[in-house]
């Protein structure tokens, strides 16, 4: 299992991605970005590596068909 320090909460993750906390919550619920729950309190957690992968994915230009 990953260490807790590999995760950030919604406020920090939204700052990293440059979006509002509500937008991040919506993306997570829609499955656009992986989300985990803290088993102790149910808070949403985002792995920093997942955020980096998401940023890399959206930074790539789309290929024209």
N, C-alpha and C. Protein backbone atom coordinates (compact mmCIF):
# COMPACT_ATOMS: atom_id res chain seq x y z
N UNK A 1 0.84 -1.18 0.00
CA UNK A 1 0.00 0.00 0.00
C UNK A 1 0.89 1.25 0.00
N UNK A 2 0.43 2.27 -0.69
CA UNK A 2 1.17 3.52 -0.77
C UNK A 2 1.16 4.25 0.57
N UNK A 3 2.17 5.03 0.79
CA UNK A 3 2.27 5.81 2.03
C UNK A 3 1.36 7.02 1.95
N UNK A 4 0.86 7.43 3.09
CA UNK A 4 -0.07 8.56 3.14
C UNK A 4 0.58 9.84 2.63
N UNK A 5 1.90 9.99 2.76
CA UNK A 5 2.55 11.21 2.28
C UNK A 5 2.65 11.27 0.76
N UNK A 6 2.22 10.21 0.07
CA UNK A 6 2.17 10.21 -1.40
C UNK A 6 0.86 10.79 -1.91
N UNK A 7 -0.03 11.15 -1.00
CA UNK A 7 -1.35 11.64 -1.34
C UNK A 7 -1.52 13.09 -0.92
N UNK A 8 -2.41 13.79 -1.61
CA UNK A 8 -2.80 15.14 -1.22
C UNK A 8 -4.32 15.19 -1.16
N UNK A 9 -4.81 16.14 -0.37
CA UNK A 9 -6.26 16.30 -0.26
C UNK A 9 -6.76 17.21 -1.38
N UNK A 10 -8.06 17.40 -1.42
CA UNK A 10 -8.70 18.13 -2.51
C UNK A 10 -8.12 19.52 -2.71
N UNK A 11 -7.95 20.27 -1.65
CA UNK A 11 -7.47 21.66 -1.79
C UNK A 11 -6.09 21.72 -2.46
N UNK A 12 -5.19 20.86 -2.02
CA UNK A 12 -3.84 20.85 -2.60
C UNK A 12 -3.87 20.34 -4.04
N UNK A 13 -4.64 19.29 -4.30
CA UNK A 13 -4.73 18.73 -5.65
C UNK A 13 -5.32 19.76 -6.62
N UNK A 14 -6.33 20.49 -6.19
CA UNK A 14 -6.93 21.49 -7.07
C UNK A 14 -5.95 22.63 -7.36
N UNK A 15 -5.12 22.98 -6.38
CA UNK A 15 -4.09 24.01 -6.58
C UNK A 15 -3.06 23.53 -7.60
N UNK A 16 -2.65 22.26 -7.48
CA UNK A 16 -1.67 21.69 -8.40
C UNK A 16 -2.20 21.70 -9.83
N UNK A 17 -3.47 21.33 -9.99
CA UNK A 17 -4.07 21.25 -11.32
C UNK A 17 -4.57 22.60 -11.84
N UNK A 18 -4.72 23.58 -10.95
CA UNK A 18 -5.18 24.89 -11.38
C UNK A 18 -6.66 24.95 -11.67
N UNK A 19 -7.44 24.15 -10.94
CA UNK A 19 -8.89 24.14 -11.11
C UNK A 19 -9.54 24.30 -9.73
N UNK A 20 -10.83 24.57 -9.73
CA UNK A 20 -11.53 24.70 -8.45
C UNK A 20 -11.69 23.33 -7.79
N UNK A 21 -11.93 23.36 -6.50
CA UNK A 21 -12.13 22.11 -5.76
C UNK A 21 -13.37 21.37 -6.27
N UNK A 22 -14.42 22.11 -6.62
CA UNK A 22 -15.63 21.47 -7.14
C UNK A 22 -15.38 20.81 -8.49
N UNK A 23 -14.57 21.45 -9.34
CA UNK A 23 -14.23 20.85 -10.63
C UNK A 23 -13.48 19.55 -10.41
N UNK A 24 -12.52 19.56 -9.50
CA UNK A 24 -11.75 18.36 -9.21
C UNK A 24 -12.64 17.25 -8.68
N UNK A 25 -13.56 17.58 -7.80
CA UNK A 25 -14.50 16.58 -7.27
C UNK A 25 -15.33 15.98 -8.40
N UNK A 26 -15.79 16.83 -9.31
CA UNK A 26 -16.60 16.36 -10.45
C UNK A 26 -15.79 15.43 -11.34
N UNK A 27 -14.55 15.81 -11.64
CA UNK A 27 -13.69 14.97 -12.47
C UNK A 27 -13.46 13.62 -11.81
N UNK A 28 -13.24 13.64 -10.50
CA UNK A 28 -13.00 12.39 -9.77
C UNK A 28 -14.23 11.49 -9.81
N UNK A 29 -15.40 12.07 -9.58
CA UNK A 29 -16.64 11.28 -9.61
C UNK A 29 -16.92 10.73 -11.01
N UNK A 30 -16.51 11.47 -12.04
CA UNK A 30 -16.72 11.04 -13.43
C UNK A 30 -15.65 10.04 -13.88
N UNK A 31 -14.65 9.81 -13.04
CA UNK A 31 -13.59 8.86 -13.39
C UNK A 31 -12.50 9.45 -14.27
N UNK A 32 -12.46 10.75 -14.41
CA UNK A 32 -11.44 11.38 -15.26
C UNK A 32 -10.07 11.41 -14.58
N UNK A 33 -10.07 11.34 -13.26
CA UNK A 33 -8.82 11.33 -12.50
C UNK A 33 -9.00 10.38 -11.32
N UNK A 34 -8.02 9.52 -11.06
CA UNK A 34 -8.16 8.55 -9.96
C UNK A 34 -8.27 9.23 -8.60
N UNK A 35 -9.16 8.70 -7.79
CA UNK A 35 -9.38 9.23 -6.45
C UNK A 35 -9.40 8.07 -5.47
N UNK A 36 -8.92 8.31 -4.29
CA UNK A 36 -8.95 7.31 -3.23
C UNK A 36 -9.64 7.94 -2.04
N UNK A 37 -10.11 7.12 -1.13
CA UNK A 37 -10.74 7.62 0.10
C UNK A 37 -9.88 7.23 1.29
N UNK A 38 -9.73 8.16 2.21
CA UNK A 38 -9.05 7.86 3.45
C UNK A 38 -9.97 6.94 4.26
N UNK A 39 -9.50 5.75 4.61
CA UNK A 39 -10.38 4.82 5.32
C UNK A 39 -10.79 5.30 6.71
N UNK A 40 -10.02 6.19 7.30
CA UNK A 40 -10.33 6.67 8.65
C UNK A 40 -11.45 7.71 8.66
N UNK A 41 -11.48 8.58 7.63
CA UNK A 41 -12.45 9.67 7.67
C UNK A 41 -13.24 9.86 6.38
N UNK A 42 -12.92 9.12 5.33
CA UNK A 42 -13.66 9.20 4.08
C UNK A 42 -13.27 10.36 3.18
N UNK A 43 -12.26 11.16 3.56
CA UNK A 43 -11.84 12.28 2.74
C UNK A 43 -11.28 11.79 1.41
N UNK A 44 -11.51 12.59 0.36
CA UNK A 44 -10.93 12.28 -0.94
C UNK A 44 -9.43 12.53 -0.89
N UNK A 45 -8.69 11.61 -1.49
CA UNK A 45 -7.24 11.75 -1.58
C UNK A 45 -6.82 11.50 -3.02
N UNK A 46 -5.80 12.23 -3.45
CA UNK A 46 -5.28 12.10 -4.81
C UNK A 46 -3.79 11.83 -4.72
N UNK A 47 -3.37 10.78 -5.41
CA UNK A 47 -1.95 10.45 -5.42
C UNK A 47 -1.21 11.45 -6.29
N UNK A 48 -0.09 11.93 -5.80
CA UNK A 48 0.66 12.94 -6.54
C UNK A 48 1.09 12.44 -7.91
N UNK A 49 1.45 11.16 -8.02
CA UNK A 49 1.84 10.59 -9.32
C UNK A 49 0.66 10.62 -10.30
N UNK A 50 -0.56 10.37 -9.80
CA UNK A 50 -1.74 10.41 -10.66
C UNK A 50 -1.98 11.82 -11.18
N UNK A 51 -1.75 12.81 -10.33
CA UNK A 51 -1.92 14.21 -10.75
C UNK A 51 -0.91 14.57 -11.84
N UNK A 52 0.33 14.11 -11.67
CA UNK A 52 1.37 14.37 -12.67
C UNK A 52 1.02 13.71 -14.00
N UNK A 53 0.53 12.48 -13.96
CA UNK A 53 0.13 11.78 -15.19
C UNK A 53 -1.03 12.51 -15.87
N UNK A 54 -1.98 12.97 -15.07
CA UNK A 54 -3.13 13.68 -15.62
C UNK A 54 -2.67 14.97 -16.31
N UNK A 55 -1.78 15.72 -15.66
CA UNK A 55 -1.27 16.95 -16.27
C UNK A 55 -0.53 16.67 -17.56
N UNK A 56 0.26 15.61 -17.57
CA UNK A 56 1.00 15.25 -18.79
C UNK A 56 0.04 14.88 -19.91
N UNK A 57 -1.03 14.19 -19.56
CA UNK A 57 -2.00 13.74 -20.56
C UNK A 57 -2.74 14.93 -21.18
N UNK A 58 -3.18 15.87 -20.34
CA UNK A 58 -3.94 17.00 -20.87
C UNK A 58 -3.04 18.03 -21.54
N UNK A 59 -1.75 17.99 -21.28
CA UNK A 59 -0.82 18.94 -21.89
C UNK A 59 -0.46 18.56 -23.32
N UNK A 60 -0.68 17.30 -23.69
CA UNK A 60 -0.38 16.86 -25.05
C UNK A 60 -1.42 17.39 -26.02
N UNK A 61 -0.99 17.91 -27.15
CA UNK A 61 -1.98 18.36 -28.16
C UNK A 61 -2.69 17.15 -28.78
N UNK A 62 -3.95 17.36 -29.09
CA UNK A 62 -4.72 16.30 -29.73
C UNK A 62 -4.27 16.12 -31.17
N UNK A 63 -4.29 14.88 -31.63
CA UNK A 63 -3.94 14.59 -33.04
C UNK A 63 -5.16 14.82 -33.91
N UNK A 64 -4.94 15.50 -35.02
CA UNK A 64 -6.05 15.71 -35.96
C UNK A 64 -6.24 14.46 -36.78
N UNK A 65 -7.50 14.16 -37.05
CA UNK A 65 -7.83 12.96 -37.83
C UNK A 65 -7.97 13.29 -39.28
